[in-house]
N, C-alpha and C. Protein backbone atom coordinates (compact mmCIF):
# COMPACT_ATOMS: atom_id res chain seq x y z
N MET A 1 68.22 67.39 98.73
CA MET A 1 67.89 67.38 100.14
C MET A 1 69.08 67.97 100.92
N ILE A 2 68.79 68.78 101.92
CA ILE A 2 69.84 69.46 102.67
C ILE A 2 70.69 68.47 103.45
N PHE A 3 70.08 67.54 104.14
CA PHE A 3 70.83 66.58 104.95
C PHE A 3 70.82 65.21 104.27
N GLU A 4 71.88 64.94 103.55
CA GLU A 4 72.00 63.62 102.92
C GLU A 4 72.55 62.64 103.93
N HIS A 5 72.19 61.40 103.78
CA HIS A 5 72.70 60.37 104.68
C HIS A 5 73.57 59.37 103.91
N GLY A 6 74.09 59.82 102.80
CA GLY A 6 74.91 58.95 101.98
C GLY A 6 76.39 59.12 102.26
N ARG A 7 77.18 58.60 101.34
CA ARG A 7 78.64 58.63 101.48
C ARG A 7 79.19 60.06 101.48
N ALA A 8 78.57 60.94 100.72
CA ALA A 8 79.06 62.32 100.63
C ALA A 8 79.02 63.01 101.99
N SER A 9 77.95 62.82 102.74
CA SER A 9 77.87 63.49 104.04
C SER A 9 78.86 62.89 105.03
N HIS A 10 79.11 61.59 104.94
CA HIS A 10 80.10 60.96 105.82
C HIS A 10 81.51 61.47 105.47
N ALA A 11 81.80 61.61 104.19
CA ALA A 11 83.11 62.12 103.76
C ALA A 11 83.27 63.57 104.21
N PHE A 12 82.20 64.34 104.11
CA PHE A 12 82.21 65.74 104.55
C PHE A 12 82.56 65.81 106.04
N CYS A 13 81.90 65.01 106.84
CA CYS A 13 82.15 64.99 108.29
C CYS A 13 83.56 64.52 108.60
N LEU A 14 83.99 63.48 107.91
CA LEU A 14 85.33 62.95 108.14
C LEU A 14 86.40 63.99 107.79
N ARG A 15 86.22 64.67 106.65
CA ARG A 15 87.16 65.74 106.26
C ARG A 15 87.23 66.81 107.34
N GLY A 16 86.08 67.21 107.86
CA GLY A 16 86.03 68.24 108.89
C GLY A 16 86.73 67.81 110.16
N VAL A 17 86.47 66.59 110.60
CA VAL A 17 87.09 66.08 111.82
C VAL A 17 88.60 65.97 111.66
N VAL A 18 89.05 65.41 110.55
CA VAL A 18 90.49 65.25 110.30
C VAL A 18 91.17 66.60 110.21
N ALA A 19 90.58 67.54 109.46
CA ALA A 19 91.17 68.86 109.31
C ALA A 19 91.26 69.59 110.65
N CYS A 20 90.20 69.52 111.44
CA CYS A 20 90.21 70.18 112.76
C CYS A 20 91.23 69.55 113.70
N LEU A 21 91.29 68.23 113.71
CA LEU A 21 92.27 67.56 114.56
C LEU A 21 93.70 67.90 114.15
N CYS A 22 93.94 67.96 112.85
CA CYS A 22 95.28 68.33 112.37
C CYS A 22 95.63 69.76 112.78
N LEU A 23 94.67 70.66 112.64
CA LEU A 23 94.92 72.05 113.02
C LEU A 23 95.20 72.16 114.52
N VAL A 24 94.40 71.51 115.33
CA VAL A 24 94.62 71.55 116.78
C VAL A 24 95.99 70.98 117.13
N LEU A 25 96.37 69.88 116.52
CA LEU A 25 97.68 69.28 116.76
C LEU A 25 98.81 70.23 116.36
N MET A 26 98.68 70.86 115.19
CA MET A 26 99.70 71.80 114.73
C MET A 26 99.79 73.00 115.66
N LEU A 27 98.64 73.49 116.14
CA LEU A 27 98.64 74.62 117.06
C LEU A 27 99.28 74.26 118.39
N ARG A 28 99.03 73.05 118.86
CA ARG A 28 99.65 72.61 120.12
C ARG A 28 101.16 72.51 119.96
N ILE A 29 101.62 72.01 118.82
CA ILE A 29 103.05 71.89 118.57
C ILE A 29 103.70 73.26 118.43
N SER A 30 103.04 74.18 117.74
CA SER A 30 103.62 75.49 117.47
C SER A 30 103.61 76.41 118.69
N GLY A 31 102.78 76.15 119.66
CA GLY A 31 102.77 76.94 120.89
C GLY A 31 101.66 77.97 120.92
N LYS A 32 101.49 78.55 122.09
CA LYS A 32 100.41 79.51 122.34
C LYS A 32 100.55 80.77 121.49
N ARG A 33 101.77 81.13 121.16
CA ARG A 33 102.03 82.38 120.44
C ARG A 33 101.35 82.41 119.08
N THR A 34 101.10 81.25 118.49
CA THR A 34 100.53 81.20 117.15
C THR A 34 99.19 81.91 117.05
N LEU A 35 98.36 81.81 118.07
CA LEU A 35 97.03 82.42 118.00
C LEU A 35 96.94 83.73 118.78
N LEU A 36 98.05 84.19 119.31
CA LEU A 36 98.05 85.46 120.02
C LEU A 36 97.95 86.60 119.02
N LYS A 37 96.96 87.44 119.18
CA LYS A 37 96.74 88.53 118.22
C LYS A 37 97.34 89.82 118.75
N LEU A 38 98.66 89.95 118.66
CA LEU A 38 99.34 91.14 119.17
C LEU A 38 99.49 92.22 118.12
N ASN A 39 99.42 91.85 116.86
CA ASN A 39 99.63 92.84 115.79
C ASN A 39 98.84 92.41 114.56
N ALA A 40 98.94 93.23 113.52
CA ALA A 40 98.17 92.97 112.30
C ALA A 40 98.56 91.63 111.66
N PHE A 41 99.84 91.31 111.66
CA PHE A 41 100.28 90.06 111.06
C PHE A 41 99.64 88.86 111.76
N ASP A 42 99.61 88.89 113.10
CA ASP A 42 99.00 87.79 113.85
C ASP A 42 97.52 87.65 113.50
N LEU A 43 96.84 88.77 113.37
CA LEU A 43 95.42 88.73 113.01
C LEU A 43 95.23 88.13 111.62
N VAL A 44 96.08 88.51 110.68
CA VAL A 44 95.99 87.98 109.32
C VAL A 44 96.19 86.47 109.32
N VAL A 45 97.17 85.99 110.07
CA VAL A 45 97.43 84.55 110.14
C VAL A 45 96.23 83.82 110.73
N THR A 46 95.65 84.36 111.79
CA THR A 46 94.49 83.72 112.41
C THR A 46 93.32 83.65 111.44
N VAL A 47 93.04 84.76 110.76
CA VAL A 47 91.95 84.77 109.78
C VAL A 47 92.24 83.80 108.64
N ALA A 48 93.49 83.76 108.18
CA ALA A 48 93.86 82.85 107.09
C ALA A 48 93.69 81.39 107.52
N LEU A 49 94.07 81.07 108.75
CA LEU A 49 93.89 79.70 109.24
C LEU A 49 92.42 79.30 109.22
N VAL A 50 91.57 80.18 109.70
CA VAL A 50 90.13 79.90 109.72
C VAL A 50 89.61 79.74 108.29
N SER A 51 90.06 80.59 107.40
CA SER A 51 89.62 80.53 106.00
C SER A 51 90.04 79.22 105.34
N VAL A 52 91.29 78.84 105.56
CA VAL A 52 91.78 77.58 104.97
C VAL A 52 91.01 76.40 105.55
N LEU A 53 90.80 76.40 106.85
CA LEU A 53 90.05 75.31 107.48
C LEU A 53 88.65 75.20 106.88
N ALA A 54 87.97 76.33 106.73
CA ALA A 54 86.62 76.32 106.14
C ALA A 54 86.66 75.79 104.71
N THR A 55 87.66 76.21 103.94
CA THR A 55 87.77 75.76 102.56
C THR A 55 88.01 74.25 102.49
N VAL A 56 88.88 73.76 103.37
CA VAL A 56 89.17 72.32 103.40
C VAL A 56 87.91 71.53 103.72
N ILE A 57 87.13 72.03 104.66
CA ILE A 57 85.93 71.32 105.08
C ILE A 57 84.84 71.39 104.01
N LEU A 58 84.66 72.56 103.40
CA LEU A 58 83.52 72.77 102.52
C LEU A 58 83.76 72.49 101.04
N SER A 59 85.00 72.53 100.61
CA SER A 59 85.28 72.38 99.18
C SER A 59 85.85 71.00 98.86
N ARG A 60 85.12 70.28 98.07
CA ARG A 60 85.61 68.96 97.66
C ARG A 60 86.72 69.07 96.63
N SER A 61 86.86 70.27 96.01
CA SER A 61 87.90 70.44 94.99
C SER A 61 89.30 70.62 95.60
N VAL A 62 89.37 70.88 96.91
CA VAL A 62 90.66 71.00 97.58
C VAL A 62 90.94 69.69 98.30
N PRO A 63 91.99 68.98 97.86
CA PRO A 63 92.32 67.72 98.54
C PRO A 63 92.66 67.97 100.01
N LEU A 64 92.27 67.06 100.87
CA LEU A 64 92.51 67.19 102.30
C LEU A 64 93.99 67.39 102.60
N VAL A 65 94.83 66.65 101.92
CA VAL A 65 96.28 66.76 102.15
C VAL A 65 96.78 68.16 101.80
N ASP A 66 96.27 68.73 100.71
CA ASP A 66 96.66 70.10 100.34
C ASP A 66 96.20 71.11 101.39
N GLY A 67 95.02 70.93 101.90
CA GLY A 67 94.52 71.83 102.93
C GLY A 67 95.33 71.76 104.21
N ILE A 68 95.68 70.55 104.61
CA ILE A 68 96.51 70.37 105.81
C ILE A 68 97.89 70.97 105.57
N ALA A 69 98.42 70.81 104.36
CA ALA A 69 99.72 71.42 104.03
C ALA A 69 99.63 72.95 104.09
N ALA A 70 98.52 73.52 103.64
CA ALA A 70 98.34 74.98 103.69
C ALA A 70 98.28 75.46 105.13
N LEU A 71 97.58 74.73 105.98
CA LEU A 71 97.54 75.08 107.41
C LEU A 71 98.94 75.03 108.01
N ALA A 72 99.67 73.98 107.70
CA ALA A 72 101.04 73.83 108.22
C ALA A 72 101.93 74.96 107.71
N LEU A 73 101.77 75.34 106.45
CA LEU A 73 102.58 76.43 105.89
C LEU A 73 102.30 77.74 106.62
N LEU A 74 101.03 78.07 106.83
CA LEU A 74 100.69 79.30 107.55
C LEU A 74 101.28 79.32 108.96
N ILE A 75 101.17 78.21 109.66
CA ILE A 75 101.71 78.13 111.02
C ILE A 75 103.23 78.24 110.99
N ALA A 76 103.86 77.58 110.03
CA ALA A 76 105.33 77.64 109.91
C ALA A 76 105.79 79.06 109.59
N LEU A 77 105.10 79.74 108.67
CA LEU A 77 105.45 81.12 108.34
C LEU A 77 105.28 82.03 109.55
N GLN A 78 104.20 81.85 110.28
CA GLN A 78 103.97 82.67 111.46
C GLN A 78 105.07 82.41 112.48
N PHE A 79 105.47 81.17 112.65
CA PHE A 79 106.53 80.82 113.60
C PHE A 79 107.85 81.48 113.19
N VAL A 80 108.22 81.35 111.92
CA VAL A 80 109.48 81.90 111.43
C VAL A 80 109.49 83.43 111.55
N ILE A 81 108.41 84.06 111.16
CA ILE A 81 108.36 85.52 111.20
C ILE A 81 108.41 86.04 112.64
N THR A 82 107.69 85.41 113.55
CA THR A 82 107.75 85.86 114.93
C THR A 82 109.11 85.54 115.56
N TRP A 83 109.71 84.42 115.20
CA TRP A 83 111.04 84.07 115.69
C TRP A 83 112.06 85.12 115.24
N MET A 84 111.98 85.48 113.96
CA MET A 84 112.90 86.49 113.43
C MET A 84 112.63 87.86 114.04
N SER A 85 111.38 88.21 114.26
CA SER A 85 111.08 89.53 114.80
C SER A 85 111.60 89.70 116.22
N VAL A 86 111.71 88.60 116.96
CA VAL A 86 112.25 88.65 118.32
C VAL A 86 113.78 88.75 118.29
N ARG A 87 114.40 88.15 117.29
CA ARG A 87 115.86 88.07 117.25
C ARG A 87 116.56 89.06 116.33
N VAL A 88 115.86 89.59 115.35
CA VAL A 88 116.47 90.52 114.39
C VAL A 88 115.73 91.86 114.51
N GLY A 89 116.41 92.83 115.11
CA GLY A 89 115.79 94.11 115.44
C GLY A 89 115.05 94.77 114.30
N TRP A 90 115.72 94.95 113.15
CA TRP A 90 115.08 95.65 112.02
C TRP A 90 113.88 94.87 111.50
N PHE A 91 113.95 93.55 111.58
CA PHE A 91 112.83 92.74 111.09
C PHE A 91 111.63 92.90 112.02
N GLY A 92 111.89 92.95 113.32
CA GLY A 92 110.81 93.17 114.28
C GLY A 92 110.14 94.51 114.06
N ASP A 93 110.95 95.54 113.76
CA ASP A 93 110.38 96.86 113.48
C ASP A 93 109.53 96.84 112.23
N LEU A 94 109.91 96.03 111.26
CA LEU A 94 109.17 95.93 110.01
C LEU A 94 107.81 95.26 110.22
N VAL A 95 107.78 94.25 111.06
CA VAL A 95 106.56 93.45 111.25
C VAL A 95 105.63 94.05 112.31
N LYS A 96 106.20 94.59 113.37
CA LYS A 96 105.38 95.06 114.49
C LYS A 96 105.27 96.57 114.51
N SER A 97 104.15 97.03 115.03
CA SER A 97 103.99 98.46 115.26
C SER A 97 104.13 98.72 116.76
N GLU A 98 104.22 99.97 117.11
CA GLU A 98 104.34 100.36 118.52
C GLU A 98 102.99 100.90 119.00
N PRO A 99 102.70 100.74 120.28
CA PRO A 99 101.49 101.36 120.82
C PRO A 99 101.57 102.88 120.68
N THR A 100 100.42 103.54 120.54
CA THR A 100 100.38 104.98 120.35
C THR A 100 99.45 105.61 121.38
N VAL A 101 99.95 106.63 122.08
CA VAL A 101 99.12 107.38 123.02
C VAL A 101 98.25 108.33 122.20
N VAL A 102 96.93 108.20 122.35
CA VAL A 102 95.99 109.03 121.58
C VAL A 102 95.19 109.99 122.46
N PHE A 103 95.33 109.83 123.77
CA PHE A 103 94.64 110.71 124.73
C PHE A 103 95.54 110.84 125.94
N SER A 104 95.79 112.07 126.35
CA SER A 104 96.64 112.29 127.51
C SER A 104 96.31 113.64 128.13
N LYS A 105 96.45 113.73 129.45
CA LYS A 105 96.23 114.99 130.17
C LYS A 105 94.84 115.58 129.89
N GLY A 106 93.85 114.71 129.84
CA GLY A 106 92.47 115.16 129.69
C GLY A 106 92.03 115.55 128.30
N ALA A 107 92.88 115.28 127.29
CA ALA A 107 92.50 115.69 125.93
C ALA A 107 93.05 114.71 124.89
N CYS A 108 92.35 114.67 123.77
CA CYS A 108 92.82 113.85 122.65
C CYS A 108 94.05 114.50 122.03
N ILE A 109 94.94 113.68 121.54
CA ILE A 109 96.11 114.17 120.80
C ILE A 109 95.73 114.11 119.33
N ARG A 110 95.29 115.24 118.82
CA ARG A 110 94.70 115.31 117.47
C ARG A 110 95.63 114.82 116.37
N SER A 111 96.92 115.12 116.47
CA SER A 111 97.86 114.67 115.42
C SER A 111 97.91 113.15 115.37
N GLU A 112 97.86 112.50 116.53
CA GLU A 112 97.89 111.03 116.57
C GLU A 112 96.55 110.45 116.10
N LEU A 113 95.45 111.13 116.43
CA LEU A 113 94.15 110.67 115.94
C LEU A 113 94.14 110.66 114.42
N ARG A 114 94.67 111.72 113.81
CA ARG A 114 94.71 111.79 112.34
C ARG A 114 95.60 110.68 111.77
N LYS A 115 96.78 110.50 112.34
CA LYS A 115 97.71 109.47 111.85
C LYS A 115 97.09 108.08 111.95
N GLN A 116 96.38 107.83 113.04
CA GLN A 116 95.82 106.49 113.29
C GLN A 116 94.40 106.34 112.75
N ARG A 117 93.86 107.40 112.13
CA ARG A 117 92.52 107.41 111.55
C ARG A 117 91.45 107.07 112.60
N LEU A 118 91.54 107.75 113.73
CA LEU A 118 90.56 107.60 114.80
C LEU A 118 89.82 108.92 114.99
N THR A 119 88.62 108.83 115.56
CA THR A 119 87.87 110.05 115.87
C THR A 119 87.86 110.26 117.38
N GLU A 120 87.60 111.49 117.75
CA GLU A 120 87.49 111.81 119.17
C GLU A 120 86.33 111.01 119.78
N GLY A 121 85.27 110.84 119.03
CA GLY A 121 84.12 110.06 119.50
C GLY A 121 84.49 108.63 119.84
N GLU A 122 85.35 108.02 119.04
CA GLU A 122 85.79 106.64 119.32
C GLU A 122 86.61 106.56 120.60
N ILE A 123 87.42 107.59 120.83
CA ILE A 123 88.22 107.62 122.06
C ILE A 123 87.31 107.80 123.27
N LEU A 124 86.35 108.72 123.15
CA LEU A 124 85.42 108.95 124.25
C LEU A 124 84.57 107.71 124.53
N ALA A 125 84.19 106.99 123.49
CA ALA A 125 83.44 105.73 123.68
C ALA A 125 84.30 104.72 124.42
N ALA A 126 85.59 104.64 124.08
CA ALA A 126 86.49 103.71 124.77
C ALA A 126 86.61 104.09 126.24
N ILE A 127 86.63 105.38 126.52
CA ILE A 127 86.71 105.84 127.90
C ILE A 127 85.44 105.47 128.66
N ARG A 128 84.28 105.64 128.03
CA ARG A 128 83.00 105.33 128.69
C ARG A 128 82.78 103.84 128.87
N SER A 129 83.30 103.03 127.97
CA SER A 129 82.96 101.60 127.99
C SER A 129 83.30 100.90 129.31
N PRO A 130 84.42 101.19 129.97
CA PRO A 130 84.63 100.53 131.26
C PRO A 130 83.89 101.20 132.42
N GLY A 131 83.07 102.22 132.11
CA GLY A 131 82.24 102.84 133.13
C GLY A 131 82.78 104.15 133.68
N HIS A 132 83.78 104.72 133.07
CA HIS A 132 84.31 106.01 133.53
C HIS A 132 83.37 107.12 133.09
N ARG A 133 83.08 108.04 133.99
CA ARG A 133 82.13 109.10 133.69
C ARG A 133 82.79 110.36 133.17
N SER A 134 84.05 110.53 133.45
CA SER A 134 84.70 111.78 133.09
C SER A 134 86.08 111.52 132.50
N GLU A 135 86.42 112.31 131.49
CA GLU A 135 87.77 112.20 130.90
C GLU A 135 88.83 112.60 131.91
N GLN A 136 88.43 113.37 132.94
CA GLN A 136 89.40 113.84 133.94
C GLN A 136 89.92 112.67 134.79
N MET A 137 89.18 111.58 134.85
CA MET A 137 89.62 110.40 135.61
C MET A 137 90.65 109.59 134.83
N ILE A 138 90.87 109.93 133.56
CA ILE A 138 91.71 109.13 132.68
C ILE A 138 93.10 109.74 132.57
N ASP A 139 94.09 108.92 132.74
CA ASP A 139 95.48 109.36 132.57
C ASP A 139 95.86 109.32 131.09
N ALA A 140 95.48 108.22 130.42
CA ALA A 140 95.83 108.09 129.00
C ALA A 140 94.96 107.03 128.34
N VAL A 141 94.85 107.14 127.02
CA VAL A 141 94.25 106.10 126.19
C VAL A 141 95.31 105.73 125.17
N ILE A 142 95.55 104.44 125.05
CA ILE A 142 96.61 103.95 124.17
C ILE A 142 96.00 103.04 123.11
N LEU A 143 96.34 103.32 121.85
CA LEU A 143 95.98 102.43 120.75
C LEU A 143 97.03 101.34 120.72
N GLU A 144 96.64 100.13 121.05
CA GLU A 144 97.57 99.01 121.15
C GLU A 144 97.89 98.46 119.76
N THR A 145 98.91 97.63 119.69
CA THR A 145 99.35 97.08 118.40
C THR A 145 98.33 96.15 117.78
N ASP A 146 97.40 95.64 118.58
CA ASP A 146 96.36 94.76 118.03
C ASP A 146 95.11 95.53 117.62
N GLY A 147 95.15 96.87 117.75
CA GLY A 147 94.02 97.70 117.37
C GLY A 147 93.05 98.00 118.49
N SER A 148 93.28 97.44 119.67
CA SER A 148 92.39 97.74 120.80
C SER A 148 92.83 99.03 121.49
N LEU A 149 91.93 99.61 122.25
CA LEU A 149 92.21 100.83 123.00
C LEU A 149 92.29 100.50 124.48
N SER A 150 93.41 100.82 125.10
CA SER A 150 93.57 100.62 126.55
C SER A 150 93.35 101.94 127.25
N VAL A 151 92.53 101.92 128.29
CA VAL A 151 92.23 103.13 129.06
C VAL A 151 92.95 103.02 130.39
N LEU A 152 93.85 103.96 130.65
CA LEU A 152 94.60 103.98 131.90
C LEU A 152 94.05 105.07 132.81
N THR A 153 93.64 104.68 134.01
CA THR A 153 93.09 105.65 134.95
C THR A 153 94.18 106.23 135.82
N LYS A 154 93.86 107.38 136.42
CA LYS A 154 94.82 108.06 137.32
C LYS A 154 94.92 107.33 138.61
C-alpha cells in the first residue's frame, strides 16, 4: 500500500522533519551567503545539499546522524572555500570566474561566444526576454558568473 499508517511512515516523517530542521538551523548559522548562487561552486553546493537532504529523507540505509553530518560538512566546506576566496587572491581566482561581455556595440562578440559556448540566438533571446525590440537599444549583454545573462540598456 502506498500510504502506510504504521511505524515506518512515522519514522519516515520524523526523519524528514528532523533533517529539514537541522538543515535550516545550519543554514541560519552559516549565513545568507551559503545559498547565494554566484558561481558554479555555489550551485554545486546547493544541488549537493538538496541531494543529501533527499537521500536522508528517502533512504533508510543512511543513518540520520550521517546525513546531518554530510549536510554540515557541505556547509562547512562552502564556508571555508568562500572565506578563503575572499581573503586569498589566487584562491579566489581559482574558484570564481569573471563576468564576460558577449554583446557590445550592437553586435555579438563571436570570439567570446565560442569561448563560452553560446549561440547568437541565445543572446538575442536574452535581449528579447525583458521586452527589448531592437539590439540597437542594448549597450551590452554580460554572461554573469552564475551563468545568467544580464542585458544592459543604453
